[in-house]
Amino acid sequence: VKKEATKLLVPGNIWKEYHVEVSKIMTSELLKLGLIDKADVQNEDPKWPAYKKYFMHGTSHHIGLDTHDYGLLHEPM
């Protein structure tokens, strides 16, 4: 995990904002690796950004009795 992402994953931050910032990091890193290019990013579908080709799941989820317990993205961590 990049240093920038770990600074975001702290109590009080909003989950949705964390996901948005991690998506920016993922896009940047995939561009550096040459797995996506600028055209992919410029032409991406906002509902399925270019980085989702390699990182289709979210960055995290709430863990409870069931590993897919639902968490509110607009609530603080």
C-alpha atoms as a PDB file:
ATOM      1  CA  VAL A   1       0.000   0.000   0.000  1.00  0.00           C
ATOM      2  CA  LYS A   2       1.375   3.361  -0.954  1.00  0.00           C
ATOM      3  CA  LYS A   3       2.176   5.786   1.820  1.00  0.00           C
ATOM      4  CA  GLU A   4      -0.552   8.192   0.635  1.00  0.00           C
ATOM      5  CA  ALA A   5      -3.247   5.530   1.021  1.00  0.00           C
ATOM      6  CA  THR A   6      -2.171   4.544   4.528  1.00  0.00           C
ATOM      7  CA  LYS A   7      -2.450   8.170   5.650  1.00  0.00           C
ATOM      8  CA  LEU A   8      -6.086   8.111   4.543  1.00  0.00           C
ATOM      9  CA  LEU A   9      -7.039   4.909   6.354  1.00  0.00           C
ATOM     10  CA  VAL A  10      -7.441   6.429   9.810  1.00  0.00           C
ATOM     11  CA  PRO A  11     -10.368   6.739  12.208  1.00  0.00           C
ATOM     12  CA  GLY A  12     -12.731   9.570  11.335  1.00  0.00           C
ATOM     13  CA  ASN A  13     -12.128   9.648   7.582  1.00  0.00           C
ATOM     14  CA  ILE A  14     -15.041   8.914   5.273  1.00  0.00           C
ATOM     15  CA  TRP A  15     -14.950   5.567   3.425  1.00  0.00           C
ATOM     16  CA  LYS A  16     -16.130   6.987   0.111  1.00  0.00           C
ATOM     17  CA  GLU A  17     -13.415   9.676   0.155  1.00  0.00           C
ATOM     18  CA  TYR A  18     -10.834   6.962   0.894  1.00  0.00           C
ATOM     19  CA  HIS A  19     -12.013   4.923  -2.112  1.00  0.00           C
ATOM     20  CA  VAL A  20     -11.819   7.993  -4.382  1.00  0.00           C
ATOM     21  CA  GLU A  21      -8.252   8.764  -3.307  1.00  0.00           C
ATOM     22  CA  VAL A  22      -7.137   5.144  -3.698  1.00  0.00           C
ATOM     23  CA  SER A  23      -8.627   5.099  -7.215  1.00  0.00           C
ATOM     24  CA  LYS A  24      -6.417   8.080  -8.101  1.00  0.00           C
ATOM     25  CA  ILE A  25      -3.358   6.254  -6.764  1.00  0.00           C
ATOM     26  CA  MET A  26      -4.290   3.083  -8.662  1.00  0.00           C
ATOM     27  CA  THR A  27      -4.733   5.032 -11.911  1.00  0.00           C
ATOM     28  CA  SER A  28      -1.362   6.729 -11.473  1.00  0.00           C
ATOM     29  CA  GLU A  29       0.453   3.469 -10.730  1.00  0.00           C
ATOM     30  CA  LEU A  30      -1.181   1.599 -13.638  1.00  0.00           C
ATOM     31  CA  LEU A  31      -0.158   4.434 -15.969  1.00  0.00           C
ATOM     32  CA  LYS A  32       3.451   4.175 -14.710  1.00  0.00           C
ATOM     33  CA  LEU A  33       3.416   0.415 -15.329  1.00  0.00           C
ATOM     34  CA  GLY A  34       2.048   0.914 -18.838  1.00  0.00           C
ATOM     35  CA  LEU A  35      -0.968  -1.281 -18.138  1.00  0.00           C
ATOM     36  CA  ILE A  36      -3.293   1.573 -19.068  1.00  0.00           C
ATOM     37  CA  ASP A  37      -2.549   4.711 -21.051  1.00  0.00           C
ATOM     38  CA  LYS A  38      -3.766   8.298 -21.022  1.00  0.00           C
ATOM     39  CA  ALA A  39      -6.327   7.550 -23.742  1.00  0.00           C
ATOM     40  CA  ASP A  40      -7.832   4.829 -21.539  1.00  0.00           C
ATOM     41  CA  VAL A  41      -8.248   7.362 -18.733  1.00  0.00           C
ATOM     42  CA  GLN A  42      -9.557  10.134 -20.997  1.00  0.00           C
ATOM     43  CA  ASN A  43     -12.135   7.818 -22.578  1.00  0.00           C
ATOM     44  CA  GLU A  44     -13.134   5.921 -19.449  1.00  0.00           C
ATOM     45  CA  ASP A  45     -16.728   5.319 -18.441  1.00  0.00           C
ATOM     46  CA  PRO A  46     -17.229   7.132 -15.099  1.00  0.00           C
ATOM     47  CA  LYS A  47     -19.197   4.110 -13.887  1.00  0.00           C
ATOM     48  CA  TRP A  48     -16.282   1.785 -14.750  1.00  0.00           C
ATOM     49  CA  PRO A  49     -12.981   3.750 -14.653  1.00  0.00           C
ATOM     50  CA  ALA A  50      -9.921   2.488 -16.549  1.00  0.00           C
ATOM     51  CA  TYR A  51      -8.193   1.235 -13.376  1.00  0.00           C
ATOM     52  CA  LYS A  52     -11.065  -1.230 -12.807  1.00  0.00           C
ATOM     53  CA  LYS A  53      -9.631  -3.464 -15.533  1.00  0.00           C
ATOM     54  CA  TYR A  54      -6.993  -4.526 -12.982  1.00  0.00           C
ATOM     55  CA  PHE A  55      -8.568  -3.451  -9.675  1.00  0.00           C
ATOM     56  CA  MET A  56     -12.241  -4.282 -10.042  1.00  0.00           C
ATOM     57  CA  HIS A  57     -13.069  -4.572  -6.358  1.00  0.00           C
ATOM     58  CA  GLY A  58     -13.184  -1.891  -3.718  1.00  0.00           C
ATOM     59  CA  THR A  59     -10.272  -1.180  -1.437  1.00  0.00           C
ATOM     60  CA  SER A  60     -11.814  -2.696   1.643  1.00  0.00           C
ATOM     61  CA  HIS A  61     -15.026  -3.805   3.265  1.00  0.00           C
ATOM     62  CA  HIS A  62     -16.438  -3.943   6.738  1.00  0.00           C
ATOM     63  CA  ILE A  63     -15.807  -7.190   8.551  1.00  0.00           C
ATOM     64  CA  GLY A  64     -18.354  -8.553  10.940  1.00  0.00           C
ATOM     65  CA  LEU A  65     -20.085 -11.860  11.357  1.00  0.00           C
ATOM     66  CA  ASP A  66     -20.178 -12.183   7.583  1.00  0.00           C
ATOM     67  CA  THR A  67     -17.163 -11.024   5.575  1.00  0.00           C
ATOM     68  CA  HIS A  68     -19.510  -9.154   3.256  1.00  0.00           C
ATOM     69  CA  ASP A  69     -21.330  -7.175   5.927  1.00  0.00           C
ATOM     70  CA  TYR A  70     -22.562  -3.918   4.496  1.00  0.00           C
ATOM     71  CA  GLY A  71     -20.953  -0.687   5.656  1.00  0.00           C
ATOM     72  CA  LEU A  72     -22.064   2.875   5.008  1.00  0.00           C
ATOM     73  CA  LEU A  73     -19.657   4.661   2.673  1.00  0.00           C
ATOM     74  CA  HIS A  74     -20.683   8.094   3.936  1.00  0.00           C
ATOM     75  CA  GLU A  75     -19.967   7.262   7.582  1.00  0.00           C
ATOM     76  CA  PRO A  76     -16.618   7.894   9.285  1.00  0.00           C
ATOM     77  CA  MET A  77     -14.213   5.019   9.788  1.00  0.00           C
END
